C-alpha atoms as a PDB file:
ATOM      1  CA  MET A   1     221.280 191.179  28.209  1.00  0.00           C
ATOM      2  CA  PHE A   2     218.003 189.420  28.909  1.00  0.00           C
ATOM      3  CA  LEU A   3     215.329 189.006  26.268  1.00  0.00           C
ATOM      4  CA  ASP A   4     211.673 188.592  27.096  1.00  0.00           C
ATOM      5  CA  GLU A   5     210.366 185.196  26.015  1.00  0.00           C
ATOM      6  CA  ALA A   6     207.890 185.419  23.159  1.00  0.00           C
ATOM      7  CA  VAL A   7     204.347 184.901  24.365  1.00  0.00           C
ATOM      8  CA  LEU A   8     202.479 182.860  21.828  1.00  0.00           C
ATOM      9  CA  PRO A   9     198.734 183.441  21.465  1.00  0.00           C
ATOM     10  CA  ALA A  10     196.560 180.639  22.796  1.00  0.00           C
ATOM     11  CA  THR A  11     195.028 178.397  20.168  1.00  0.00           C
ATOM     12  CA  LYS A  12     191.269 178.101  20.311  1.00  0.00           C
ATOM     13  CA  SER A  13     190.104 174.552  20.894  1.00  0.00           C
ATOM     14  CA  VAL A  14     186.699 173.888  19.354  1.00  0.00           C
ATOM     15  CA  THR A  15     184.974 170.623  18.504  1.00  0.00           C
ATOM     16  CA  ALA A  16     181.429 169.404  17.847  1.00  0.00           C
ATOM     17  CA  ALA A  17     179.729 166.150  18.727  1.00  0.00           C
ATOM     18  CA  PRO A  18     176.187 164.794  18.890  1.00  0.00           C
ATOM     19  CA  SER A  19     175.041 164.072  22.410  1.00  0.00           C
ATOM     20  CA  LEU A  20     172.338 161.587  23.278  1.00  0.00           C
ATOM     21  CA  ALA A  21     172.313 162.945  26.836  1.00  0.00           C
ATOM     22  CA  SER A  22     171.711 166.518  25.676  1.00  0.00           C
ATOM     23  CA  ASP A  23     168.878 165.574  23.323  1.00  0.00           C
ATOM     24  CA  LEU A  24     167.379 163.425  26.074  1.00  0.00           C
ATOM     25  CA  SER A  25     167.557 166.349  28.499  1.00  0.00           C
ATOM     26  CA  TRP A  26     165.339 168.375  26.183  1.00  0.00           C
ATOM     27  CA  LEU A  27     162.791 165.559  25.930  1.00  0.00           C
ATOM     28  CA  LEU A  28     162.715 165.299  29.708  1.00  0.00           C
ATOM     29  CA  PHE A  29     162.233 169.056  30.011  1.00  0.00           C
ATOM     30  CA  VAL A  30     159.356 169.088  27.522  1.00  0.00           C
ATOM     31  CA  ALA A  31     157.739 166.116  29.264  1.00  0.00           C
ATOM     32  CA  CYS A  32     157.657 168.090  32.500  1.00  0.00           C
ATOM     33  CA  GLN A  33     156.635 171.528  31.330  1.00  0.00           C
ATOM     34  CA  PRO A  34     153.130 172.036  29.869  1.00  0.00           C
ATOM     35  CA  SER A  35     154.192 175.434  28.535  1.00  0.00           C
ATOM     36  CA  MET A  36     157.003 173.777  26.580  1.00  0.00           C
ATOM     37  CA  GLN A  37     154.598 171.176  25.192  1.00  0.00           C
ATOM     38  CA  ALA A  38     152.429 173.936  23.782  1.00  0.00           C
ATOM     39  CA  ARG A  39     155.475 175.691  22.353  1.00  0.00           C
ATOM     40  CA  TYR A  40     156.961 172.551  20.802  1.00  0.00           C
ATOM     41  CA  PRO A  41     153.981 170.408  19.770  1.00  0.00           C
ATOM     42  CA  LYS A  42     156.104 167.980  17.721  1.00  0.00           C
ATOM     43  CA  LEU A  43     158.068 167.050  20.818  1.00  0.00           C
ATOM     44  CA  ALA A  44     154.880 166.856  22.854  1.00  0.00           C
ATOM     45  CA  GLU A  45     153.557 164.306  20.342  1.00  0.00           C
ATOM     46  CA  MET A  46     156.331 161.946  21.441  1.00  0.00           C
ATOM     47  CA  PHE A  47     154.466 161.576  24.717  1.00  0.00           C
ATOM     48  CA  LYS A  48     151.042 161.139  23.138  1.00  0.00           C
ATOM     49  CA  GLY A  49     149.579 157.995  24.657  1.00  0.00           C
ATOM     50  CA  ARG A  50     152.382 158.015  27.210  1.00  0.00           C
ATOM     51  CA  GLU A  51     150.977 160.669  29.499  1.00  0.00           C
ATOM     52  CA  ASP A  52     151.647 158.374  32.470  1.00  0.00           C
ATOM     53  CA  LEU A  53     155.338 158.388  31.570  1.00  0.00           C
ATOM     54  CA  ALA A  54     155.385 162.190  31.345  1.00  0.00           C
ATOM     55  CA  ALA A  55     153.749 162.315  34.779  1.00  0.00           C
ATOM     56  CA  ARG A  56     156.419 159.988  36.206  1.00  0.00           C
ATOM     57  CA  VAL A  57     159.126 162.246  34.794  1.00  0.00           C
ATOM     58  CA  ARG A  58     157.390 165.281  36.232  1.00  0.00           C
ATOM     59  CA  ASN A  59     157.090 163.724  39.688  1.00  0.00           C
ATOM     60  CA  PHE A  60     160.399 161.878  39.944  1.00  0.00           C
ATOM     61  CA  TRP A  61     162.213 164.703  41.729  1.00  0.00           C
ATOM     62  CA  LYS A  62     160.277 166.571  44.384  1.00  0.00           C
ATOM     63  CA  ASP A  63     162.839 169.175  45.387  1.00  0.00           C
ATOM     64  CA  GLY A  64     161.317 172.524  44.471  1.00  0.00           C
ATOM     65  CA  PRO A  65     159.538 174.332  41.640  1.00  0.00           C
ATOM     66  CA  ASP A  66     162.322 173.472  39.193  1.00  0.00           C
ATOM     67  CA  GLY A  67     162.454 169.873  40.325  1.00  0.00           C
ATOM     68  CA  ALA A  68     161.314 168.633  36.930  1.00  0.00           C
ATOM     69  CA  SER A  69     164.649 169.584  35.365  1.00  0.00           C
ATOM     70  CA  PHE A  70     167.052 166.692  34.780  1.00  0.00           C
ATOM     71  CA  ALA A  71     170.173 168.771  34.161  1.00  0.00           C
ATOM     72  CA  GLU A  72     172.054 166.646  36.693  1.00  0.00           C
ATOM     73  CA  MET A  73     171.885 163.816  34.143  1.00  0.00           C
ATOM     74  CA  GLN A  74     174.135 165.780  31.767  1.00  0.00           C
ATOM     75  CA  VAL A  75     176.499 166.535  34.635  1.00  0.00           C
ATOM     76  CA  LEU A  76     176.769 162.802  35.344  1.00  0.00           C
ATOM     77  CA  ALA A  77     177.338 162.092  31.647  1.00  0.00           C
ATOM     78  CA  HIS A  78     180.126 164.692  31.493  1.00  0.00           C
ATOM     79  CA  HIS A  79     181.788 163.285  34.628  1.00  0.00           C
ATOM     80  CA  ALA A  80     181.730 159.822  33.026  1.00  0.00           C
ATOM     81  CA  GLY A  81     183.206 161.169  29.765  1.00  0.00           C
ATOM     82  CA  ALA A  82     179.967 160.187  28.029  1.00  0.00           C
ATOM     83  CA  LEU A  83     178.454 163.544  27.086  1.00  0.00           C
ATOM     84  CA  GLY A  84     179.223 162.706  23.451  1.00  0.00           C
ATOM     85  CA  GLU A  85     177.992 159.112  23.752  1.00  0.00           C
ATOM     86  CA  THR A  86     175.529 158.004  21.053  1.00  0.00           C
ATOM     87  CA  ASP A  87     174.850 154.446  22.224  1.00  0.00           C
ATOM     88  CA  PRO A  88     172.030 154.402  24.790  1.00  0.00           C
ATOM     89  CA  ASP A  89     173.137 151.279  26.679  1.00  0.00           C
ATOM     90  CA  SER A  90     176.646 152.709  27.059  1.00  0.00           C
ATOM     91  CA  LEU A  91     175.189 155.981  28.312  1.00  0.00           C
ATOM     92  CA  TRP A  92     172.962 154.295  30.922  1.00  0.00           C
ATOM     93  CA  ALA A  93     175.931 152.306  32.231  1.00  0.00           C
ATOM     94  CA  ALA A  94     178.127 155.412  32.320  1.00  0.00           C
ATOM     95  CA  ILE A  95     175.530 157.454  34.211  1.00  0.00           C
ATOM     96  CA  GLU A  96     174.938 154.702  36.769  1.00  0.00           C
ATOM     97  CA  SER A  97     178.672 154.336  37.321  1.00  0.00           C
ATOM     98  CA  ALA A  98     179.205 158.101  37.601  1.00  0.00           C
ATOM     99  CA  VAL A  99     176.769 158.349  40.523  1.00  0.00           C
ATOM    100  CA  THR A 100     179.249 156.585  42.802  1.00  0.00           C
ATOM    101  CA  THR A 101     182.293 158.647  41.786  1.00  0.00           C
ATOM    102  CA  ILE A 102     181.100 162.172  41.022  1.00  0.00           C
ATOM    103  CA  PRO A 103     182.520 164.748  43.469  1.00  0.00           C
ATOM    104  CA  LEU A 104     180.043 166.500  45.686  1.00  0.00           C
ATOM    105  CA  ASP A 105     181.625 169.934  45.137  1.00  0.00           C
ATOM    106  CA  LEU A 106     180.746 171.004  41.612  1.00  0.00           C
ATOM    107  CA  GLU A 107     182.538 173.790  39.806  1.00  0.00           C
ATOM    108  CA  MET A 108     179.949 174.880  37.254  1.00  0.00           C
ATOM    109  CA  PRO A 109     179.929 178.584  36.339  1.00  0.00           C
ATOM    110  CA  SER A 110     176.801 178.030  34.246  1.00  0.00           C
ATOM    111  CA  GLU A 111     174.702 177.051  37.281  1.00  0.00           C
ATOM    112  CA  SER A 112     173.558 179.149  40.202  1.00  0.00           C
ATOM    113  CA  ALA A 113     174.446 178.167  43.763  1.00  0.00           C
ATOM    114  CA  GLU A 114     170.852 177.012  44.285  1.00  0.00           C
ATOM    115  CA  GLU A 115     170.944 174.799  41.184  1.00  0.00           C
ATOM    116  CA  ARG A 116     174.263 173.248  42.213  1.00  0.00           C
ATOM    117  CA  ALA A 117     172.831 172.509  45.660  1.00  0.00           C
ATOM    118  CA  VAL A 118     169.865 170.700  44.035  1.00  0.00           C
ATOM    119  CA  TYR A 119     172.181 168.595  41.852  1.00  0.00           C
ATOM    120  CA  LEU A 120     174.410 167.639  44.766  1.00  0.00           C
ATOM    121  CA  GLU A 121     171.440 166.548  46.862  1.00  0.00           C
ATOM    122  CA  ARG A 122     170.203 164.410  43.974  1.00  0.00           C
ATOM    123  CA  PHE A 123     173.640 162.809  43.651  1.00  0.00           C
ATOM    124  CA  ARG A 124     173.577 161.984  47.361  1.00  0.00           C
ATOM    125  CA  MET A 125     170.131 160.429  47.045  1.00  0.00           C
ATOM    126  CA  LEU A 126     171.104 158.370  44.008  1.00  0.00           C
ATOM    127  CA  ARG A 127     174.334 157.275  45.671  1.00  0.00           C
ATOM    128  CA  SER A 128     172.602 156.172  48.877  1.00  0.00           C
ATOM    129  CA  SER A 129     169.763 154.245  47.211  1.00  0.00           C
ATOM    130  CA  PRO A 130     170.461 151.533  44.613  1.00  0.00           C
ATOM    131  CA  ASP A 131     166.700 151.201  44.059  1.00  0.00           C
ATOM    132  CA  LEU A 132     166.353 154.907  43.266  1.00  0.00           C
ATOM    133  CA  ARG A 133     169.373 154.686  40.967  1.00  0.00           C
ATOM    134  CA  ARG A 134     167.843 151.785  39.043  1.00  0.00           C
ATOM    135  CA  SER A 135     164.495 153.609  38.785  1.00  0.00           C
ATOM    136  CA  TYR A 136     166.294 156.713  37.538  1.00  0.00           C
ATOM    137  CA  VAL A 137     168.152 154.910  34.758  1.00  0.00           C
ATOM    138  CA  GLU A 138     165.037 152.946  33.806  1.00  0.00           C
ATOM    139  CA  LEU A 139     163.057 156.183  33.483  1.00  0.00           C
ATOM    140  CA  LEU A 140     165.715 157.637  31.178  1.00  0.00           C
ATOM    141  CA  ARG A 141     165.591 154.446  29.115  1.00  0.00           C
ATOM    142  CA  GLU A 142     161.802 154.544  28.791  1.00  0.00           C
ATOM    143  CA  VAL A 143     161.762 158.170  27.655  1.00  0.00           C
ATOM    144  CA  TRP A 144     164.463 157.584  25.054  1.00  0.00           C
ATOM    145  CA  GLU A 145     163.546 154.180  23.628  1.00  0.00           C
ATOM    146  CA  PRO A 146     160.704 155.277  21.276  1.00  0.00           C
ATOM    147  CA  VAL A 147     162.866 157.953  19.606  1.00  0.00           C
ATOM    148  CA  ASP A 148     166.141 156.014  19.411  1.00  0.00           C
ATOM    149  CA  ASP A 149     165.719 154.777  15.821  1.00  0.00           C
ATOM    150  CA  MET A 150     164.687 158.210  14.565  1.00  0.00           C
ATOM    151  CA  TRP A 151     167.604 159.895  16.334  1.00  0.00           C
ATOM    152  CA  HIS A 152     170.168 157.449  14.983  1.00  0.00           C
ATOM    153  CA  GLN A 153     168.815 157.806  11.442  1.00  0.00           C
ATOM    154  CA  ALA A 154     169.315 161.559  11.820  1.00  0.00           C
ATOM    155  CA  LEU A 155     172.892 161.217  13.143  1.00  0.00           C
ATOM    156  CA  PRO A 156     174.541 162.051   9.773  1.00  0.00           C
ATOM    157  CA  ILE A 157     172.533 165.296   9.669  1.00  0.00           C
ATOM    158  CA  ILE A 158     173.338 166.092  13.303  1.00  0.00           C
ATOM    159  CA  GLU A 159     177.053 165.458  12.730  1.00  0.00           C
ATOM    160  CA  GLU A 160     177.047 167.543   9.559  1.00  0.00           C
ATOM    161  CA  ALA A 161     175.364 170.393  11.428  1.00  0.00           C
ATOM    162  CA  GLY A 162     178.123 170.230  14.030  1.00  0.00           C
ATOM    163  CA  ARG A 163     180.825 170.432  11.374  1.00  0.00           C
ATOM    164  CA  LEU A 164     179.118 173.447   9.833  1.00  0.00           C
ATOM    165  CA  VAL A 165     178.879 175.303  13.150  1.00  0.00           C
ATOM    166  CA  VAL A 166     182.580 174.651  13.852  1.00  0.00           C
ATOM    167  CA  ALA A 167     183.498 175.840  10.345  1.00  0.00           C
ATOM    168  CA  GLN A 168     181.452 179.025  10.801  1.00  0.00           C
ATOM    169  CA  TYR A 169     183.048 179.678  14.195  1.00  0.00           C
ATOM    170  CA  GLU A 170     186.555 179.123  12.831  1.00  0.00           C
ATOM    171  CA  ARG A 171     185.804 181.525   9.968  1.00  0.00           C
ATOM    172  CA  GLY A 172     185.100 184.239  12.524  1.00  0.00           C
ATOM    173  CA  GLN A 173     181.337 184.001  13.057  1.00  0.00           C
ATOM    174  CA  SER A 174     180.582 185.341  16.527  1.00  0.00           C
ATOM    175  CA  LEU A 175     179.375 183.021  19.254  1.00  0.00           C
ATOM    176  CA  GLU A 176     176.419 185.309  19.958  1.00  0.00           C
ATOM    177  CA  ILE A 177     175.144 184.713  16.408  1.00  0.00           C
ATOM    178  CA  LEU A 178     175.851 180.971  16.310  1.00  0.00           C
ATOM    179  CA  ILE A 179     174.219 180.317  19.687  1.00  0.00           C
ATOM    180  CA  THR A 180     171.017 182.142  20.543  1.00  0.00           C
ATOM    181  CA  PRO A 181     171.346 183.217  24.195  1.00  0.00           C
ATOM    182  CA  GLY A 182     168.528 181.277  25.833  1.00  0.00           C
ATOM    183  CA  CYS A 183     169.116 182.167  29.475  1.00  0.00           C
ATOM    184  CA  ASP A 184     170.102 185.203  31.526  1.00  0.00           C
ATOM    185  CA  ILE A 185     173.248 183.618  32.913  1.00  0.00           C
ATOM    186  CA  LEU A 186     174.593 182.981  29.412  1.00  0.00           C
ATOM    187  CA  VAL A 187     174.043 186.619  28.470  1.00  0.00           C
ATOM    188  CA  GLU A 188     175.635 187.721  31.724  1.00  0.00           C
ATOM    189  CA  ARG A 189     178.674 185.469  31.381  1.00  0.00           C
ATOM    190  CA  MET A 190     179.274 185.895  27.654  1.00  0.00           C
ATOM    191  CA  PRO A 191     182.222 188.330  28.063  1.00  0.00           C
ATOM    192  CA  GLU A 192     183.936 185.924  30.496  1.00  0.00           C
ATOM    193  CA  ILE A 193     183.210 182.957  28.239  1.00  0.00           C
ATOM    194  CA  LEU A 194     184.719 184.707  25.233  1.00  0.00           C
ATOM    195  CA  ALA A 195     187.804 185.628  27.259  1.00  0.00           C
ATOM    196  CA  ASP A 196     188.206 182.007  28.446  1.00  0.00           C
ATOM    197  CA  LEU A 197     187.872 180.706  24.900  1.00  0.00           C
ATOM    198  CA  GLU A 198     190.469 183.193  23.652  1.00  0.00           C
ATOM    199  CA  ALA A 199     192.766 181.907  26.408  1.00  0.00           C
ATOM    200  CA  GLY A 200     192.370 178.353  25.124  1.00  0.00           C
ATOM    201  CA  LYS A 201     189.541 176.838  27.176  1.00  0.00           C
ATOM    202  CA  PRO A 202     187.943 174.077  25.055  1.00  0.00           C
ATOM    203  CA  LEU A 203     184.552 174.723  23.480  1.00  0.00           C
ATOM    204  CA  LEU A 204     182.226 171.861  22.582  1.00  0.00           C
ATOM    205  CA  PHE A 205     179.301 172.498  20.235  1.00  0.00           C
ATOM    206  CA  VAL A 206     176.463 170.012  20.704  1.00  0.00           C
ATOM    207  CA  PRO A 207     174.034 170.010  17.756  1.00  0.00           C
ATOM    208  CA  CYS A 208     170.737 168.611  19.031  1.00  0.00           C
ATOM    209  CA  LEU A 209     167.854 167.205  17.052  1.00  0.00           C
ATOM    210  CA  PHE A 210     165.224 167.879  19.725  1.00  0.00           C
ATOM    211  CA  PHE A 211     166.443 171.227  21.014  1.00  0.00           C
ATOM    212  CA  GLY A 212     164.126 174.152  20.605  1.00  0.00           C
ATOM    213  CA  SER A 213     166.570 176.973  21.315  1.00  0.00           C
ATOM    214  CA  SER A 214     169.980 176.722  22.952  1.00  0.00           C
ATOM    215  CA  MET A 215     171.879 175.157  25.834  1.00  0.00           C
ATOM    216  CA  TYR A 216     174.774 176.368  27.947  1.00  0.00           C
ATOM    217  CA  LEU A 217     176.728 174.229  30.384  1.00  0.00           C
ATOM    218  CA  GLU A 218     180.155 175.133  31.692  1.00  0.00           C
ATOM    219  CA  PHE A 219     182.502 172.895  33.601  1.00  0.00           C
ATOM    220  CA  ALA A 220     186.023 173.512  34.862  1.00  0.00           C
ATOM    221  CA  ASP A 221     187.497 171.888  31.756  1.00  0.00           C
ATOM    222  CA  VAL A 222     185.083 172.769  28.939  1.00  0.00           C
ATOM    223  CA  VAL A 223     182.327 175.118  27.779  1.00  0.00           C
ATOM    224  CA  VAL A 224     179.385 173.262  26.224  1.00  0.00           C
ATOM    225  CA  MET A 225     177.061 175.072  23.833  1.00  0.00           C
ATOM    226  CA  GLY A 226     174.017 173.304  22.409  1.00  0.00           C
ATOM    227  CA  THR A 227     171.885 174.411  19.512  1.00  0.00           C
ATOM    228  CA  GLY A 228     169.009 172.901  17.582  1.00  0.00           C
ATOM    229  CA  VAL A 229     169.889 171.627  14.115  1.00  0.00           C
ATOM    230  CA  GLY A 230     166.547 172.905  12.826  1.00  0.00           C
ATOM    231  CA  GLN A 231     167.481 176.564  13.213  1.00  0.00           C
ATOM    232  CA  GLY A 232     168.313 178.853  10.314  1.00  0.00           C
ATOM    233  CA  ASP A 233     169.949 177.242   7.307  1.00  0.00           C
ATOM    234  CA  VAL A 234     172.024 174.776   9.316  1.00  0.00           C
ATOM    235  CA  VAL A 235     169.747 171.783   8.912  1.00  0.00           C
ATOM    236  CA  ALA A 236     169.091 172.477   5.210  1.00  0.00           C
ATOM    237  CA  ARG A 237     172.799 172.720   4.445  1.00  0.00           C
ATOM    238  CA  ALA A 238     173.570 169.703   6.601  1.00  0.00           C
ATOM    239  CA  GLN A 239     170.975 167.637   4.774  1.00  0.00           C
ATOM    240  CA  THR A 240     172.127 168.654   1.312  1.00  0.00           C
ATOM    241  CA  GLU A 241     175.819 168.235   2.116  1.00  0.00           C
ATOM    242  CA  SER A 242     175.170 164.785   3.565  1.00  0.00           C
ATOM    243  CA  VAL A 243     173.207 163.801   0.440  1.00  0.00           C
ATOM    244  CA  ALA A 244     175.838 165.311  -1.862  1.00  0.00           C
ATOM    245  CA  ARG A 245     178.633 163.367  -0.168  1.00  0.00           C
ATOM    246  CA  ARG A 246     176.833 160.055  -0.725  1.00  0.00           C
ATOM    247  CA  LEU A 247     175.814 160.974  -4.269  1.00  0.00           C
ATOM    248  CA  LYS A 248     179.454 161.655  -5.031  1.00  0.00           C
ATOM    249  CA  ALA A 249     180.221 158.060  -4.104  1.00  0.00           C
ATOM    250  CA  VAL A 250     177.890 156.760  -6.833  1.00  0.00           C
ATOM    251  CA  ALA A 251     178.640 159.472  -9.394  1.00  0.00           C
ATOM    252  CA  ASP A 252     181.511 157.354 -10.718  1.00  0.00           C
ATOM    253  CA  PRO A 253     180.256 154.880 -13.391  1.00  0.00           C
ATOM    254  CA  THR A 254     182.419 152.048 -12.048  1.00  0.00           C
ATOM    255  CA  ARG A 255     181.220 152.487  -8.471  1.00  0.00           C
ATOM    256  CA  LEU A 256     177.625 152.673  -9.621  1.00  0.00           C
ATOM    257  CA  ALA A 257     178.104 149.458 -11.608  1.00  0.00           C
ATOM    258  CA  LEU A 258     179.679 147.794  -8.553  1.00  0.00           C
ATOM    259  CA  LEU A 259     176.733 148.881  -6.417  1.00  0.00           C
ATOM    260  CA  HIS A 260     174.318 147.483  -9.014  1.00  0.00           C
ATOM    261  CA  SER A 261     176.203 144.193  -9.012  1.00  0.00           C
ATOM    262  CA  LEU A 262     176.207 143.972  -5.222  1.00  0.00           C
ATOM    263  CA  ALA A 263     172.467 144.651  -5.191  1.00  0.00           C
ATOM    264  CA  THR A 264     172.048 141.624  -7.431  1.00  0.00           C
ATOM    265  CA  ALA A 265     174.319 139.224  -5.571  1.00  0.00           C
ATOM    266  CA  PRO A 266     176.718 139.511  -2.613  1.00  0.00           C
ATOM    267  CA  SER A 267     180.333 139.183  -3.728  1.00  0.00           C
ATOM    268  CA  SER A 268     183.896 139.395  -2.480  1.00  0.00           C
ATOM    269  CA  VAL A 269     186.419 141.966  -3.684  1.00  0.00           C
ATOM    270  CA  GLY A 270     188.183 139.235  -5.633  1.00  0.00           C
ATOM    271  CA  GLU A 271     184.997 138.170  -7.394  1.00  0.00           C
ATOM    272  CA  LEU A 272     184.206 141.774  -8.298  1.00  0.00           C
ATOM    273  CA  ALA A 273     187.719 142.221  -9.660  1.00  0.00           C
ATOM    274  CA  MET A 274     187.297 139.176 -11.914  1.00  0.00           C
ATOM    275  CA  LEU A 275     183.803 140.192 -13.005  1.00  0.00           C
ATOM    276  CA  PHE A 276     184.790 143.746 -13.928  1.00  0.00           C
ATOM    277  CA  ARG A 277     188.346 142.869 -15.045  1.00  0.00           C
ATOM    278  CA  LEU A 278     189.851 145.331 -12.609  1.00  0.00           C
ATOM    279  CA  ALA A 279     192.819 145.103 -10.274  1.00  0.00           C
ATOM    280  CA  GLN A 280     191.840 144.171  -6.722  1.00  0.00           C
ATOM    281  CA  PRO A 281     193.350 147.383  -5.232  1.00  0.00           C
ATOM    282  CA  THR A 282     191.162 149.414  -7.603  1.00  0.00           C
ATOM    283  CA  VAL A 283     188.039 147.515  -6.560  1.00  0.00           C
ATOM    284  CA  SER A 284     189.014 147.830  -2.895  1.00  0.00           C
ATOM    285  CA  MET A 285     189.312 151.616  -3.287  1.00  0.00           C
ATOM    286  CA  HIS A 286     185.859 151.884  -4.884  1.00  0.00           C
ATOM    287  CA  VAL A 287     184.296 149.583  -2.281  1.00  0.00           C
ATOM    288  CA  LYS A 288     185.880 151.595   0.545  1.00  0.00           C
ATOM    289  CA  LEU A 289     184.140 154.763  -0.683  1.00  0.00           C
ATOM    290  CA  LEU A 290     180.814 152.955  -1.000  1.00  0.00           C
ATOM    291  CA  ARG A 291     181.149 151.523   2.517  1.00  0.00           C
ATOM    292  CA  GLU A 292     182.095 154.900   4.003  1.00  0.00           C
ATOM    293  CA  SER A 293     178.936 156.313   2.413  1.00  0.00           C
ATOM    294  CA  GLY A 294     176.884 153.589   4.075  1.00  0.00           C
ATOM    295  CA  LEU A 295     175.644 152.156   0.772  1.00  0.00           C
ATOM    296  CA  VAL A 296     177.533 148.865   0.995  1.00  0.00           C
ATOM    297  CA  ARG A 297     177.842 146.591   3.993  1.00  0.00           C
ATOM    298  CA  SER A 298     180.173 143.672   4.661  1.00  0.00           C
ATOM    299  CA  GLU A 299     179.690 140.383   6.466  1.00  0.00           C
ATOM    300  CA  ARG A 300     182.134 137.559   7.109  1.00  0.00           C
ATOM    301  CA  GLN A 301     180.813 134.249   5.792  1.00  0.00           C
ATOM    302  CA  GLU A 302     182.826 131.042   6.023  1.00  0.00           C
ATOM    303  CA  GLY A 303     185.994 133.002   6.589  1.00  0.00           C
ATOM    304  CA  ARG A 304     185.498 135.321   3.602  1.00  0.00           C
ATOM    305  CA  MET A 305     184.308 138.910   3.574  1.00  0.00           C
ATOM    306  CA  ARG A 306     181.138 139.211   1.509  1.00  0.00           C
ATOM    307  CA  LEU A 307     179.892 142.572   0.304  1.00  0.00           C
ATOM    308  CA  SER A 308     176.316 143.524  -0.484  1.00  0.00           C
ATOM    309  CA  ALA A 309     174.373 146.672  -1.261  1.00  0.00           C
ATOM    310  CA  ASP A 310     172.408 148.100   1.660  1.00  0.00           C
ATOM    311  CA  ALA A 311     168.988 148.482   0.063  1.00  0.00           C
ATOM    312  CA  ALA A 312     167.609 150.450   3.019  1.00  0.00           C
ATOM    313  CA  ALA A 313     170.482 152.952   2.828  1.00  0.00           C
ATOM    314  CA  VAL A 314     169.964 153.385  -0.910  1.00  0.00           C
ATOM    315  CA  GLU A 315     166.233 153.978  -0.401  1.00  0.00           C
ATOM    316  CA  LEU A 316     167.030 156.485   2.350  1.00  0.00           C
ATOM    317  CA  LEU A 317     169.406 158.363   0.039  1.00  0.00           C
ATOM    318  CA  LEU A 318     166.789 158.491  -2.712  1.00  0.00           C
ATOM    319  CA  GLY A 319     164.189 159.727  -0.249  1.00  0.00           C
ATOM    320  CA  GLU A 320     166.507 162.437   1.079  1.00  0.00           C
ATOM    321  CA  LEU A 321     167.391 163.489  -2.470  1.00  0.00           C
ATOM    322  CA  ARG A 322     163.704 163.679  -3.358  1.00  0.00           C
ATOM    323  CA  GLN A 323     163.028 165.773  -0.267  1.00  0.00           C
ATOM    324  CA  ALA A 324     165.989 168.082  -0.889  1.00  0.00           C
ATOM    325  CA  VAL A 325     165.086 168.711  -4.532  1.00  0.00           C
ATOM    326  CA  LEU A 326     161.307 168.501  -4.531  1.00  0.00           C
ATOM    327  CA  GLN A 327     160.427 169.710  -1.013  1.00  0.00           C
ATOM    328  CA  GLY A 328     157.326 171.802  -1.250  1.00  0.00           C
ATOM    329  CA  ALA A 329     156.553 170.621  -4.782  1.00  0.00           C
ATOM    330  CA  ALA A 330     153.245 169.239  -3.611  1.00  0.00           C
ATOM    331  CA  ALA A 331     152.162 172.765  -2.793  1.00  0.00           C
ATOM    332  CA  VAL A 332     152.665 173.823  -6.400  1.00  0.00           C
ATOM    333  CA  SER A 333     151.690 170.613  -8.155  1.00  0.00           C
ATOM    334  CA  PRO A 334     149.754 171.095 -11.392  1.00  0.00           C
ATOM    335  CA  PRO A 335     145.991 170.965 -11.145  1.00  0.00           C
ATOM    336  CA  VAL A 336     144.223 167.731 -11.964  1.00  0.00           C
ATOM    337  CA  PRO A 337     142.502 168.107 -15.359  1.00  0.00           C
ATOM    338  CA  GLU A 338     138.716 168.120 -15.403  1.00  0.00           C
ATOM    339  CA  PRO A 339     137.221 164.868 -16.719  1.00  0.00           C
ATOM    340  CA  ALA A 340     136.005 165.031 -20.291  1.00  0.00           C
ATOM    341  CA  ALA A 341     132.287 165.760 -20.670  1.00  0.00           C
ATOM    342  CA  ALA A 342     130.156 162.758 -21.550  1.00  0.00           C
ATOM    343  CA  THR A 343     128.869 162.731 -25.079  1.00  0.00           C
END
């Protein structure tokens, strides 16, 4: 007698990661589209005084009415395995390298045949002209450089937003609610996307700092969904959870005392153990939590690891706490008393 083999249900594969390339793609789009600049004035401000740069972005590709789009940059990043890259220099190198190896027959259900044809022609042009390739990467670098510090300071919030979206999805929140359909093809393909995800096709959420609505890219091996971290309650919860995690690190009296000591003078774990009369493993455990929270940094000096408090990180935490607790307080601040009448 033959028994049918049990068919196990596919396990959904879902992750989240910040993506420099995806945030950059939105900046490039806003630089090129006057209508987007009016809709997203804060992003338009990033090009204030750099109108010549915006014009160069707008005129770099001259291959049709949608030529201003730089979606092929994300395709190159994905091919290089760098869609989740957060270091700009690594991304530029990956994109430049991908130009010479990317196949010229894209399987991208998210793109129309006309869009794929545009991307492939751009790949051919970049591949055949080293000068164009260098100009392309340099343009990406120039657009990104002024916002790099701000973006990296926001990385903890971006990462926290990604974790929250994944948690909501795994708790059963529908994709249509988590990701606002921003294009017709996403709406049209949603049933097929959901079926593919149920069958086990990987889903990557990309929380973006600069995104205004949503993003959908689909490759043969993964579905990529982007969403702005400023939508709904995601950014508020991400900010407060990030602050709470770091506050927890200093909520312990011993860790707070260690941080105070390290703000006064850099020390080794051994010196802290002697000063506080604690076992070295205990001090190491406390220091590990402080380092993971970004409040303590280490530096090797003369063969020994020296620890010190990161004053900038502490100030940032205090500022974020003030913003989280007192945001909007200025709008309801008490009135200034009238000066006393002269007698």
